[in-house]
């Protein structure tokens, strides 16, 4: 894949997302993970919109993501074959536990058990 071999017609790969919800890290024009090498001005514009300062507004970012998702669906430049989820069972006595990515680095000094 790295050498862009013309004899490769199809490939299967897997990856997981980072805590930063930006598709540019995987599908961006300069991303090493962009194995399909799909790149268009429209795709770049949509990524720039998602990751702009306006993107700090939660509602704005959701709308920007939806625009990009529709574009990705229309272009079908990547067709996922499988998807998986991670389920975590948490005891109801555990307090201050969070799955929010923003809490990932500071969670364990907040977590405790209630009686």
PDB file of N, CA and C in Angstrom:
ATOM      1  N   UNK A   1       0.815  -1.197   0.000  1.00  0.00           N
ATOM      2  CA  UNK A   1       0.000   0.000   0.000  1.00  0.00           C
ATOM      3  C   UNK A   1       0.864   1.268   0.000  1.00  0.00           C
ATOM      4  N   UNK A   2       1.913   1.257   0.798  1.00  0.00           N
ATOM      5  CA  UNK A   2       2.739   2.462   0.905  1.00  0.00           C
ATOM      6  C   UNK A   2       3.397   2.847  -0.415  1.00  0.00           C
ATOM      7  N   UNK A   3       3.663   1.862  -1.256  1.00  0.00           N
ATOM      8  CA  UNK A   3       4.322   2.131  -2.528  1.00  0.00           C
ATOM      9  C   UNK A   3       3.329   2.426  -3.651  1.00  0.00           C
ATOM     10  N   UNK A   4       2.025   2.426  -3.313  1.00  0.00           N
ATOM     11  CA  UNK A   4       0.975   2.717  -4.290  1.00  0.00           C
ATOM     12  C   UNK A   4       1.048   1.769  -5.484  1.00  0.00           C
ATOM     13  N   UNK A   5       1.189   0.480  -5.186  1.00  0.00           N
ATOM     14  CA  UNK A   5       1.309  -0.552  -6.214  1.00  0.00           C
ATOM     15  C   UNK A   5       0.033  -0.617  -7.053  1.00  0.00           C
ATOM     16  N   UNK A   6       0.157  -0.492  -8.346  1.00  0.00           N
ATOM     17  CA  UNK A   6      -0.982  -0.505  -9.275  1.00  0.00           C
ATOM     18  C   UNK A   6      -1.640  -1.886  -9.356  1.00  0.00           C
ATOM     19  N   UNK A   7      -0.976  -2.938  -8.868  1.00  0.00           N
ATOM     20  CA  UNK A   7      -1.531  -4.285  -8.912  1.00  0.00           C
ATOM     21  C   UNK A   7      -2.513  -4.561  -7.771  1.00  0.00           C
ATOM     22  N   UNK A   8      -2.650  -3.632  -6.830  1.00  0.00           N
ATOM     23  CA  UNK A   8      -3.581  -3.816  -5.720  1.00  0.00           C
ATOM     24  C   UNK A   8      -4.948  -3.293  -6.141  1.00  0.00           C
ATOM     25  N   UNK A   9      -5.915  -4.206  -6.207  1.00  0.00           N
ATOM     26  CA  UNK A   9      -7.278  -3.834  -6.581  1.00  0.00           C
ATOM     27  C   UNK A   9      -8.154  -3.588  -5.362  1.00  0.00           C
ATOM     28  N   UNK A  10      -7.861  -4.307  -4.298  1.00  0.00           N
ATOM     29  CA  UNK A  10      -8.681  -4.214  -3.090  1.00  0.00           C
ATOM     30  C   UNK A  10      -7.805  -4.521  -1.889  1.00  0.00           C
ATOM     31  N   UNK A  11      -8.135  -3.966  -0.764  1.00  0.00           N
ATOM     32  CA  UNK A  11      -7.426  -4.278   0.466  1.00  0.00           C
ATOM     33  C   UNK A  11      -8.410  -4.239   1.627  1.00  0.00           C
ATOM     34  N   UNK A  12      -8.056  -4.885   2.705  1.00  0.00           N
ATOM     35  CA  UNK A  12      -8.841  -4.853   3.928  1.00  0.00           C
ATOM     36  C   UNK A  12      -7.904  -4.400   5.026  1.00  0.00           C
ATOM     37  N   UNK A  13      -8.339  -3.422   5.782  1.00  0.00           N
ATOM     38  CA  UNK A  13      -7.518  -2.884   6.869  1.00  0.00           C
ATOM     39  C   UNK A  13      -8.419  -2.568   8.052  1.00  0.00           C
ATOM     40  N   UNK A  14      -7.814  -2.349   9.177  1.00  0.00           N
ATOM     41  CA  UNK A  14      -8.589  -1.942  10.348  1.00  0.00           C
ATOM     42  C   UNK A  14      -7.805  -0.899  11.122  1.00  0.00           C
ATOM     43  N   UNK A  15      -8.508  -0.128  11.891  1.00  0.00           N
ATOM     44  CA  UNK A  15      -7.924   0.902  12.721  1.00  0.00           C
ATOM     45  C   UNK A  15      -8.947   1.296  13.759  1.00  0.00           C
ATOM     46  N   UNK A  16      -8.546   2.062  14.725  1.00  0.00           N
ATOM     47  CA  UNK A  16      -9.496   2.597  15.699  1.00  0.00           C
ATOM     48  C   UNK A  16      -9.326   4.107  15.742  1.00  0.00           C
ATOM     49  N   UNK A  17     -10.332   4.765  16.209  1.00  0.00           N
ATOM     50  CA  UNK A  17     -10.326   6.218  16.231  1.00  0.00           C
ATOM     51  C   UNK A  17      -9.593   6.760  17.442  1.00  0.00           C
ATOM     52  N   UNK A  18      -9.076   7.954  17.316  1.00  0.00           N
ATOM     53  CA  UNK A  18      -8.434   8.619  18.445  1.00  0.00           C
ATOM     54  C   UNK A  18      -9.505   9.311  19.283  1.00  0.00           C
ATOM     55  N   UNK A  19      -9.097   9.895  20.374  1.00  0.00           N
ATOM     56  CA  UNK A  19     -10.065  10.608  21.215  1.00  0.00           C
ATOM     57  C   UNK A  19     -10.486  11.934  20.587  1.00  0.00           C
ATOM     58  N   UNK A  20      -9.742  12.416  19.605  1.00  0.00           N
ATOM     59  CA  UNK A  20     -10.117  13.630  18.881  1.00  0.00           C
ATOM     60  C   UNK A  20     -11.048  13.243  17.741  1.00  0.00           C
ATOM     61  N   UNK A  21     -12.296  13.636  17.824  1.00  0.00           N
ATOM     62  CA  UNK A  21     -13.234  13.213  16.774  1.00  0.00           C
ATOM     63  C   UNK A  21     -13.093  14.037  15.499  1.00  0.00           C
ATOM     64  N   UNK A  22     -12.081  13.719  14.724  1.00  0.00           N
ATOM     65  CA  UNK A  22     -11.884  14.391  13.445  1.00  0.00           C
ATOM     66  C   UNK A  22     -11.566  13.349  12.385  1.00  0.00           C
ATOM     67  N   UNK A  23     -12.371  13.281  11.338  1.00  0.00           N
ATOM     68  CA  UNK A  23     -12.089  12.304  10.291  1.00  0.00           C
ATOM     69  C   UNK A  23     -10.846  12.635   9.473  1.00  0.00           C
ATOM     70  N   UNK A  24     -10.324  13.843   9.601  1.00  0.00           N
ATOM     71  CA  UNK A  24      -9.139  14.238   8.828  1.00  0.00           C
ATOM     72  C   UNK A  24      -7.921  13.394   9.196  1.00  0.00           C
ATOM     73  N   UNK A  25      -7.864  12.898  10.420  1.00  0.00           N
ATOM     74  CA  UNK A  25      -6.741  12.074  10.850  1.00  0.00           C
ATOM     75  C   UNK A  25      -6.648  10.755  10.120  1.00  0.00           C
ATOM     76  N   UNK A  26      -7.764  10.298   9.571  1.00  0.00           N
ATOM     77  CA  UNK A  26      -7.778   9.031   8.842  1.00  0.00           C
ATOM     78  C   UNK A  26      -7.984   9.250   7.345  1.00  0.00           C
ATOM     79  N   UNK A  27      -8.874  10.174   6.994  1.00  0.00           N
ATOM     80  CA  UNK A  27      -9.241  10.367   5.594  1.00  0.00           C
ATOM     81  C   UNK A  27      -8.660  11.622   4.965  1.00  0.00           C
ATOM     82  N   UNK A  28      -7.860  12.379   5.707  1.00  0.00           N
ATOM     83  CA  UNK A  28      -7.290  13.612   5.174  1.00  0.00           C
ATOM     84  C   UNK A  28      -6.306  13.360   4.041  1.00  0.00           C
ATOM     85  N   UNK A  29      -6.180  14.334   3.182  1.00  0.00           N
ATOM     86  CA  UNK A  29      -5.325  14.210   1.991  1.00  0.00           C
ATOM     87  C   UNK A  29      -3.889  13.844   2.339  1.00  0.00           C
ATOM     88  N   UNK A  30      -3.353  14.368   3.432  1.00  0.00           N
ATOM     89  CA  UNK A  30      -1.956  14.109   3.811  1.00  0.00           C
ATOM     90  C   UNK A  30      -1.818  13.046   4.895  1.00  0.00           C
ATOM     91  N   UNK A  31      -2.918  12.426   5.293  1.00  0.00           N
ATOM     92  CA  UNK A  31      -2.869  11.421   6.351  1.00  0.00           C
ATOM     93  C   UNK A  31      -2.225  10.126   5.847  1.00  0.00           C
ATOM     94  N   UNK A  32      -1.345   9.568   6.656  1.00  0.00           N
ATOM     95  CA  UNK A  32      -0.725   8.285   6.314  1.00  0.00           C
ATOM     96  C   UNK A  32      -1.757   7.156   6.309  1.00  0.00           C
ATOM     97  N   UNK A  33      -2.883   7.359   6.984  1.00  0.00           N
ATOM     98  CA  UNK A  33      -3.936   6.348   7.051  1.00  0.00           C
ATOM     99  C   UNK A  33      -4.872   6.400   5.839  1.00  0.00           C
ATOM    100  N   UNK A  34      -4.742   7.405   5.004  1.00  0.00           N
ATOM    101  CA  UNK A  34      -5.613   7.546   3.836  1.00  0.00           C
ATOM    102  C   UNK A  34      -5.143   6.600   2.727  1.00  0.00           C
ATOM    103  N   UNK A  35      -5.346   5.305   2.962  1.00  0.00           N
ATOM    104  CA  UNK A  35      -4.880   4.297   2.006  1.00  0.00           C
ATOM    105  C   UNK A  35      -5.591   4.377   0.665  1.00  0.00           C
ATOM    106  N   UNK A  36      -6.813   4.902   0.651  1.00  0.00           N
ATOM    107  CA  UNK A  36      -7.534   5.018  -0.622  1.00  0.00           C
ATOM    108  C   UNK A  36      -6.993   6.173  -1.463  1.00  0.00           C
ATOM    109  N   UNK A  37      -6.266   7.060  -0.818  1.00  0.00           N
ATOM    110  CA  UNK A  37      -5.684   8.243  -1.462  1.00  0.00           C
ATOM    111  C   UNK A  37      -6.745   9.144  -2.096  1.00  0.00           C
ATOM    112  N   UNK A  38      -7.944   9.042  -1.559  1.00  0.00           N
ATOM    113  CA  UNK A  38      -9.028   9.904  -2.021  1.00  0.00           C
ATOM    114  C   UNK A  38      -8.761  11.317  -1.518  1.00  0.00           C
ATOM    115  N   UNK A  39      -8.801  12.285  -2.405  1.00  0.00           N
ATOM    116  CA  UNK A  39      -8.571  13.681  -2.035  1.00  0.00           C
ATOM    117  C   UNK A  39      -9.305  14.582  -3.026  1.00  0.00           C
ATOM    118  N   UNK A  40     -10.154  15.440  -2.488  1.00  0.00           N
ATOM    119  CA  UNK A  40     -10.845  16.425  -3.322  1.00  0.00           C
ATOM    120  C   UNK A  40     -10.872  17.757  -2.576  1.00  0.00           C
ATOM    121  N   UNK A  41     -11.076  18.819  -3.304  1.00  0.00           N
ATOM    122  CA  UNK A  41     -11.196  20.132  -2.674  1.00  0.00           C
ATOM    123  C   UNK A  41     -12.378  20.159  -1.727  1.00  0.00           C
ATOM    124  N   UNK A  42     -13.476  19.518  -2.121  1.00  0.00           N
ATOM    125  CA  UNK A  42     -14.676  19.493  -1.274  1.00  0.00           C
ATOM    126  C   UNK A  42     -14.419  18.744   0.027  1.00  0.00           C
ATOM    127  N   UNK A  43     -13.738  17.611  -0.052  1.00  0.00           N
ATOM    128  CA  UNK A  43     -13.414  16.843   1.150  1.00  0.00           C
ATOM    129  C   UNK A  43     -12.535  17.670   2.091  1.00  0.00           C
ATOM    130  N   UNK A  44     -11.517  18.325   1.541  1.00  0.00           N
ATOM    131  CA  UNK A  44     -10.648  19.178   2.356  1.00  0.00           C
ATOM    132  C   UNK A  44     -11.427  20.310   2.997  1.00  0.00           C
ATOM    133  N   UNK A  45     -12.346  20.913   2.244  1.00  0.00           N
ATOM    134  CA  UNK A  45     -13.168  22.012   2.769  1.00  0.00           C
ATOM    135  C   UNK A  45     -14.029  21.524   3.940  1.00  0.00           C
ATOM    136  N   UNK A  46     -14.611  20.341   3.797  1.00  0.00           N
ATOM    137  CA  UNK A  46     -15.446  19.795   4.865  1.00  0.00           C
ATOM    138  C   UNK A  46     -14.621  19.491   6.113  1.00  0.00           C
ATOM    139  N   UNK A  47     -13.413  18.955   5.943  1.00  0.00           N
ATOM    140  CA  UNK A  47     -12.533  18.718   7.094  1.00  0.00           C
ATOM    141  C   UNK A  47     -12.150  20.030   7.767  1.00  0.00           C
ATOM    142  N   UNK A  48     -11.805  21.033   6.956  1.00  0.00           N
ATOM    143  CA  UNK A  48     -11.443  22.340   7.512  1.00  0.00           C
ATOM    144  C   UNK A  48     -12.598  22.924   8.312  1.00  0.00           C
ATOM    145  N   UNK A  49     -13.814  22.706   7.836  1.00  0.00           N
ATOM    146  CA  UNK A  49     -14.998  23.206   8.518  1.00  0.00           C
ATOM    147  C   UNK A  49     -15.192  22.495   9.860  1.00  0.00           C
ATOM    148  N   UNK A  50     -15.028  21.174   9.876  1.00  0.00           N
ATOM    149  CA  UNK A  50     -15.172  20.405  11.120  1.00  0.00           C
ATOM    150  C   UNK A  50     -14.143  20.856  12.149  1.00  0.00           C
ATOM    151  N   UNK A  51     -12.912  21.075  11.710  1.00  0.00           N
ATOM    152  CA  UNK A  51     -11.809  21.375  12.625  1.00  0.00           C
ATOM    153  C   UNK A  51     -11.552  22.868  12.810  1.00  0.00           C
ATOM    154  N   UNK A  52     -12.453  23.710  12.340  1.00  0.00           N
ATOM    155  CA  UNK A  52     -12.277  25.155  12.475  1.00  0.00           C
ATOM    156  C   UNK A  52     -12.604  25.615  13.895  1.00  0.00           C
ATOM    157  N   UNK A  53     -12.360  26.879  14.163  1.00  0.00           N
ATOM    158  CA  UNK A  53     -12.722  27.436  15.466  1.00  0.00           C
ATOM    159  C   UNK A  53     -14.222  27.348  15.703  1.00  0.00           C
ATOM    160  N   UNK A  54     -14.998  27.474  14.642  1.00  0.00           N
ATOM    161  CA  UNK A  54     -16.452  27.324  14.768  1.00  0.00           C
ATOM    162  C   UNK A  54     -16.805  25.921  15.261  1.00  0.00           C
ATOM    163  N   UNK A  55     -15.939  24.951  14.960  1.00  0.00           N
ATOM    164  CA  UNK A  55     -16.162  23.564  15.360  1.00  0.00           C
ATOM    165  C   UNK A  55     -16.126  23.345  16.857  1.00  0.00           C
ATOM    166  N   UNK A  56     -15.673  24.339  17.615  1.00  0.00           N
ATOM    167  CA  UNK A  56     -15.720  24.229  19.075  1.00  0.00           C
ATOM    168  C   UNK A  56     -17.149  24.334  19.588  1.00  0.00           C
ATOM    169  N   UNK A  57     -18.037  24.871  18.771  1.00  0.00           N
ATOM    170  CA  UNK A  57     -19.450  24.908  19.108  1.00  0.00           C
ATOM    171  C   UNK A  57     -20.029  23.532  18.798  1.00  0.00           C
ATOM    172  N   UNK A  58     -20.547  22.873  19.816  1.00  0.00           N
ATOM    173  CA  UNK A  58     -21.005  21.483  19.690  1.00  0.00           C
ATOM    174  C   UNK A  58     -22.032  21.308  18.568  1.00  0.00           C
ATOM    175  N   UNK A  59     -23.042  22.144  18.517  1.00  0.00           N
ATOM    176  CA  UNK A  59     -24.089  22.017  17.496  1.00  0.00           C
ATOM    177  C   UNK A  59     -23.538  22.255  16.092  1.00  0.00           C
ATOM    178  N   UNK A  60     -22.645  23.234  15.974  1.00  0.00           N
ATOM    179  CA  UNK A  60     -22.027  23.520  14.671  1.00  0.00           C
ATOM    180  C   UNK A  60     -21.218  22.313  14.196  1.00  0.00           C
ATOM    181  N   UNK A  61     -20.441  21.721  15.117  1.00  0.00           N
ATOM    182  CA  UNK A  61     -19.589  20.577  14.752  1.00  0.00           C
ATOM    183  C   UNK A  61     -20.433  19.382  14.318  1.00  0.00           C
ATOM    184  N   UNK A  62     -21.529  19.160  14.990  1.00  0.00           N
ATOM    185  CA  UNK A  62     -22.427  18.064  14.610  1.00  0.00           C
ATOM    186  C   UNK A  62     -22.941  18.277  13.188  1.00  0.00           C
ATOM    187  N   UNK A  63     -23.367  19.489  12.874  1.00  0.00           N
ATOM    188  CA  UNK A  63     -23.863  19.787  11.524  1.00  0.00           C
ATOM    189  C   UNK A  63     -22.755  19.618  10.484  1.00  0.00           C
ATOM    190  N   UNK A  64     -21.553  20.055  10.833  1.00  0.00           N
ATOM    191  CA  UNK A  64     -20.417  19.914   9.908  1.00  0.00           C
ATOM    192  C   UNK A  64     -20.100  18.431   9.674  1.00  0.00           C
ATOM    193  N   UNK A  65     -20.158  17.634  10.731  1.00  0.00           N
ATOM    194  CA  UNK A  65     -19.943  16.192  10.596  1.00  0.00           C
ATOM    195  C   UNK A  65     -21.005  15.573   9.692  1.00  0.00           C
ATOM    196  N   UNK A  66     -22.245  15.961   9.896  1.00  0.00           N
ATOM    197  CA  UNK A  66     -23.325  15.401   9.073  1.00  0.00           C
ATOM    198  C   UNK A  66     -23.122  15.730   7.599  1.00  0.00           C
ATOM    199  N   UNK A  67     -22.651  16.941   7.295  1.00  0.00           N
ATOM    200  CA  UNK A  67     -22.365  17.303   5.896  1.00  0.00           C
ATOM    201  C   UNK A  67     -21.277  16.400   5.331  1.00  0.00           C
ATOM    202  N   UNK A  68     -20.194  16.205   6.108  1.00  0.00           N
ATOM    203  CA  UNK A  68     -19.106  15.351   5.635  1.00  0.00           C
ATOM    204  C   UNK A  68     -19.577  13.906   5.480  1.00  0.00           C
ATOM    205  N   UNK A  69     -20.367  13.403   6.436  1.00  0.00           N
ATOM    206  CA  UNK A  69     -20.855  12.029   6.351  1.00  0.00           C
ATOM    207  C   UNK A  69     -21.720  11.830   5.110  1.00  0.00           C
ATOM    208  N   UNK A  70     -22.540  12.816   4.780  1.00  0.00           N
ATOM    209  CA  UNK A  70     -23.361  12.716   3.576  1.00  0.00           C
ATOM    210  C   UNK A  70     -22.478  12.700   2.328  1.00  0.00           C
ATOM    211  N   UNK A  71     -21.458  13.563   2.337  1.00  0.00           N
ATOM    212  CA  UNK A  71     -20.517  13.598   1.208  1.00  0.00           C
ATOM    213  C   UNK A  71     -19.803  12.251   1.065  1.00  0.00           C
ATOM    214  N   UNK A  72     -19.326  11.706   2.172  1.00  0.00           N
ATOM    215  CA  UNK A  72     -18.636  10.418   2.141  1.00  0.00           C
ATOM    216  C   UNK A  72     -19.573   9.329   1.627  1.00  0.00           C
ATOM    217  N   UNK A  73     -20.804   9.356   2.065  1.00  0.00           N
ATOM    218  CA  UNK A  73     -21.780   8.372   1.608  1.00  0.00           C
ATOM    219  C   UNK A  73     -22.047   8.517   0.110  1.00  0.00           C
ATOM    220  N   UNK A  74     -22.191   9.751  -0.367  1.00  0.00           N
ATOM    221  CA  UNK A  74     -22.447   9.992  -1.792  1.00  0.00           C
ATOM    222  C   UNK A  74     -21.273   9.555  -2.666  1.00  0.00           C
ATOM    223  N   UNK A  75     -20.057   9.814  -2.217  1.00  0.00           N
ATOM    224  CA  UNK A  75     -18.858   9.467  -2.987  1.00  0.00           C
ATOM    225  C   UNK A  75     -18.494   7.984  -2.866  1.00  0.00           C
ATOM    226  N   UNK A  76     -18.835   7.382  -1.741  1.00  0.00           N
ATOM    227  CA  UNK A  76     -18.539   5.964  -1.457  1.00  0.00           C
ATOM    228  C   UNK A  76     -17.087   5.614  -1.754  1.00  0.00           C
ATOM    229  N   UNK A  77     -16.169   6.476  -1.319  1.00  0.00           N
ATOM    230  CA  UNK A  77     -14.755   6.195  -1.579  1.00  0.00           C
ATOM    231  C   UNK A  77     -14.157   5.214  -0.588  1.00  0.00           C
ATOM    232  N   UNK A  78     -14.830   4.993   0.496  1.00  0.00           N
ATOM    233  CA  UNK A  78     -14.485   3.934   1.451  1.00  0.00           C
ATOM    234  C   UNK A  78     -15.794   3.228   1.767  1.00  0.00           C
ATOM    235  N   UNK A  79     -15.803   1.922   1.698  1.00  0.00           N
ATOM    236  CA  UNK A  79     -17.013   1.170   2.009  1.00  0.00           C
ATOM    237  C   UNK A  79     -16.693   0.236   3.173  1.00  0.00           C
ATOM    238  N   UNK A  80     -17.108   0.588   4.386  1.00  0.00           N
ATOM    239  CA  UNK A  80     -16.832  -0.275   5.544  1.00  0.00           C
ATOM    240  C   UNK A  80     -17.526  -1.630   5.400  1.00  0.00           C
ATOM    241  N   UNK A  81     -16.814  -2.678   5.745  1.00  0.00           N
ATOM    242  CA  UNK A  81     -17.378  -4.024   5.692  1.00  0.00           C
ATOM    243  C   UNK A  81     -17.842  -4.499   7.053  1.00  0.00           C
ATOM    244  N   UNK A  82     -17.196  -4.005   8.106  1.00  0.00           N
ATOM    245  CA  UNK A  82     -17.573  -4.405   9.459  1.00  0.00           C
ATOM    246  C   UNK A  82     -17.456  -3.203  10.384  1.00  0.00           C
ATOM    247  N   UNK A  83     -18.015  -3.343  11.550  1.00  0.00           N
ATOM    248  CA  UNK A  83     -17.923  -2.326  12.591  1.00  0.00           C
ATOM    249  C   UNK A  83     -18.006  -3.048  13.926  1.00  0.00           C
ATOM    250  N   UNK A  84     -17.439  -2.487  14.951  1.00  0.00           N
ATOM    251  CA  UNK A  84     -17.508  -3.109  16.269  1.00  0.00           C
ATOM    252  C   UNK A  84     -17.738  -2.047  17.331  1.00  0.00           C
ATOM    253  N   UNK A  85     -18.219  -2.490  18.447  1.00  0.00           N
ATOM    254  CA  UNK A  85     -18.477  -1.620  19.580  1.00  0.00           C
ATOM    255  C   UNK A  85     -17.786  -2.186  20.803  1.00  0.00           C
ATOM    256  N   UNK A  86     -17.499  -1.326  21.739  1.00  0.00           N
ATOM    257  CA  UNK A  86     -16.914  -1.747  22.998  1.00  0.00           C
ATOM    258  C   UNK A  86     -17.926  -1.449  24.100  1.00  0.00           C
ATOM    259  N   UNK A  87     -18.247  -2.456  24.887  1.00  0.00           N
ATOM    260  CA  UNK A  87     -19.203  -2.288  25.980  1.00  0.00           C
ATOM    261  C   UNK A  87     -18.447  -2.467  27.285  1.00  0.00           C
ATOM    262  N   UNK A  88     -18.668  -1.541  28.204  1.00  0.00           N
ATOM    263  CA  UNK A  88     -18.013  -1.621  29.505  1.00  0.00           C
ATOM    264  C   UNK A  88     -19.075  -1.730  30.584  1.00  0.00           C
ATOM    265  N   UNK A  89     -18.983  -2.761  31.400  1.00  0.00           N
ATOM    266  CA  UNK A  89     -19.894  -2.926  32.528  1.00  0.00           C
ATOM    267  C   UNK A  89     -19.291  -2.186  33.719  1.00  0.00           C
ATOM    268  N   UNK A  90     -20.085  -1.343  34.342  1.00  0.00           N
ATOM    269  CA  UNK A  90     -19.601  -0.547  35.470  1.00  0.00           C
ATOM    270  C   UNK A  90     -20.538  -0.777  36.653  1.00  0.00           C
ATOM    271  N   UNK A  91     -19.969  -1.152  37.786  1.00  0.00           N
ATOM    272  CA  UNK A  91     -20.741  -1.369  39.004  1.00  0.00           C
ATOM    273  C   UNK A  91     -21.464  -0.087  39.390  1.00  0.00           C
ATOM    274  N   UNK A  92     -22.710  -0.196  39.828  1.00  0.00           N
ATOM    275  CA  UNK A  92     -23.501   0.988  40.181  1.00  0.00           C
ATOM    276  C   UNK A  92     -22.944   1.716  41.400  1.00  0.00           C
ATOM    277  N   UNK A  93     -22.077   1.075  42.170  1.00  0.00           N
ATOM    278  CA  UNK A  93     -21.464   1.728  43.331  1.00  0.00           C
ATOM    279  C   UNK A  93     -20.244   2.572  42.953  1.00  0.00           C
ATOM    280  N   UNK A  94     -19.800   2.465  41.729  1.00  0.00           N
ATOM    281  CA  UNK A  94     -18.660   3.254  41.267  1.00  0.00           C
ATOM    282  C   UNK A  94     -19.130   4.681  40.999  1.00  0.00           C
ATOM    283  N   UNK A  95     -18.463   5.642  41.591  1.00  0.00           N
ATOM    284  CA  UNK A  95     -18.866   7.045  41.424  1.00  0.00           C
ATOM    285  C   UNK A  95     -17.777   7.817  40.688  1.00  0.00           C
ATOM    286  N   UNK A  96     -18.189   8.852  39.971  1.00  0.00           N
ATOM    287  CA  UNK A  96     -17.301   9.757  39.232  1.00  0.00           C
ATOM    288  C   UNK A  96     -16.560   9.082  38.086  1.00  0.00           C
ATOM    289  N   UNK A  97     -17.070   7.962  37.606  1.00  0.00           N
ATOM    290  CA  UNK A  97     -16.470   7.292  36.445  1.00  0.00           C
ATOM    291  C   UNK A  97     -17.081   7.896  35.191  1.00  0.00           C
ATOM    292  N   UNK A  98     -16.253   8.151  34.193  1.00  0.00           N
ATOM    293  CA  UNK A  98     -16.731   8.762  32.960  1.00  0.00           C
ATOM    294  C   UNK A  98     -16.044   8.131  31.763  1.00  0.00           C
ATOM    295  N   UNK A  99     -16.791   7.998  30.667  1.00  0.00           N
ATOM    296  CA  UNK A  99     -16.227   7.509  29.411  1.00  0.00           C
ATOM    297  C   UNK A  99     -15.950   8.654  28.447  1.00  0.00           C
ATOM    298  N   UNK A 100     -16.147   9.879  28.892  1.00  0.00           N
ATOM    299  CA  UNK A 100     -15.899  11.035  28.037  1.00  0.00           C
ATOM    300  C   UNK A 100     -14.408  11.129  27.721  1.00  0.00           C
ATOM    301  N   UNK A 101     -14.053  11.293  26.457  1.00  0.00           N
ATOM    302  CA  UNK A 101     -12.636  11.408  26.098  1.00  0.00           C
ATOM    303  C   UNK A 101     -11.915  12.529  26.857  1.00  0.00           C
ATOM    304  N   UNK A 102     -12.620  13.611  27.158  1.00  0.00           N
ATOM    305  CA  UNK A 102     -11.991  14.727  27.867  1.00  0.00           C
ATOM    306  C   UNK A 102     -11.576  14.344  29.286  1.00  0.00           C
ATOM    307  N   UNK A 103     -12.196  13.308  29.849  1.00  0.00           N
ATOM    308  CA  UNK A 103     -11.876  12.885  31.217  1.00  0.00           C
ATOM    309  C   UNK A 103     -10.833  11.775  31.272  1.00  0.00           C
ATOM    310  N   UNK A 104     -10.386  11.285  30.134  1.00  0.00           N
ATOM    311  CA  UNK A 104      -9.522  10.109  30.087  1.00  0.00           C
ATOM    312  C   UNK A 104      -8.223  10.257  30.867  1.00  0.00           C
ATOM    313  N   UNK A 105      -7.625  11.443  30.863  1.00  0.00           N
ATOM    314  CA  UNK A 105      -6.318  11.612  31.514  1.00  0.00           C
ATOM    315  C   UNK A 105      -6.405  11.904  32.998  1.00  0.00           C
ATOM    316  N   UNK A 106      -7.601  12.211  33.497  1.00  0.00           N
ATOM    317  CA  UNK A 106      -7.695  12.589  34.910  1.00  0.00           C
ATOM    318  C   UNK A 106      -8.746  11.794  35.672  1.00  0.00           C
ATOM    319  N   UNK A 107      -9.213  10.717  35.104  1.00  0.00           N
ATOM    320  CA  UNK A 107     -10.352  10.019  35.698  1.00  0.00           C
ATOM    321  C   UNK A 107     -10.026   9.288  36.997  1.00  0.00           C
ATOM    322  N   UNK A 108      -8.869   8.672  37.090  1.00  0.00           N
ATOM    323  CA  UNK A 108      -8.663   7.733  38.198  1.00  0.00           C
ATOM    324  C   UNK A 108      -8.505   8.388  39.559  1.00  0.00           C
ATOM    325  N   UNK A 109      -8.125   9.644  39.631  1.00  0.00           N
ATOM    326  CA  UNK A 109      -8.060  10.267  40.948  1.00  0.00           C
ATOM    327  C   UNK A 109      -9.436  10.745  41.398  1.00  0.00           C
ATOM    328  N   UNK A 110     -10.444  10.706  40.527  1.00  0.00           N
ATOM    329  CA  UNK A 110     -11.813  11.092  40.863  1.00  0.00           C
ATOM    330  C   UNK A 110     -12.698   9.896  41.206  1.00  0.00           C
ATOM    331  N   UNK A 111     -12.324   8.714  40.745  1.00  0.00           N
ATOM    332  CA  UNK A 111     -13.170   7.543  40.892  1.00  0.00           C
ATOM    333  C   UNK A 111     -13.125   6.986  42.301  1.00  0.00           C
ATOM    334  N   UNK A 112     -14.266   6.527  42.774  1.00  0.00           N
ATOM    335  CA  UNK A 112     -14.339   5.897  44.087  1.00  0.00           C
ATOM    336  C   UNK A 112     -15.551   5.001  44.164  1.00  0.00           C
ATOM    337  N   UNK A 113     -15.749   4.373  45.342  1.00  0.00           N
ATOM    338  CA  UNK A 113     -16.916   3.530  45.571  1.00  0.00           C
ATOM    339  C   UNK A 113     -17.803   4.169  46.619  1.00  0.00           C
ATOM    340  N   UNK A 114     -19.098   4.051  46.429  1.00  0.00           N
ATOM    341  CA  UNK A 114     -20.045   4.538  47.426  1.00  0.00           C
ATOM    342  C   UNK A 114     -20.523   3.334  48.239  1.00  0.00           C
ATOM    343  N   UNK A 115     -21.139   3.630  49.346  1.00  0.00           N
ATOM    344  CA  UNK A 115     -21.652   2.527  50.200  1.00  0.00           C
ATOM    345  C   UNK A 115     -23.007   2.084  49.740  1.00  0.00           C
TER     346      UNK A 115
END
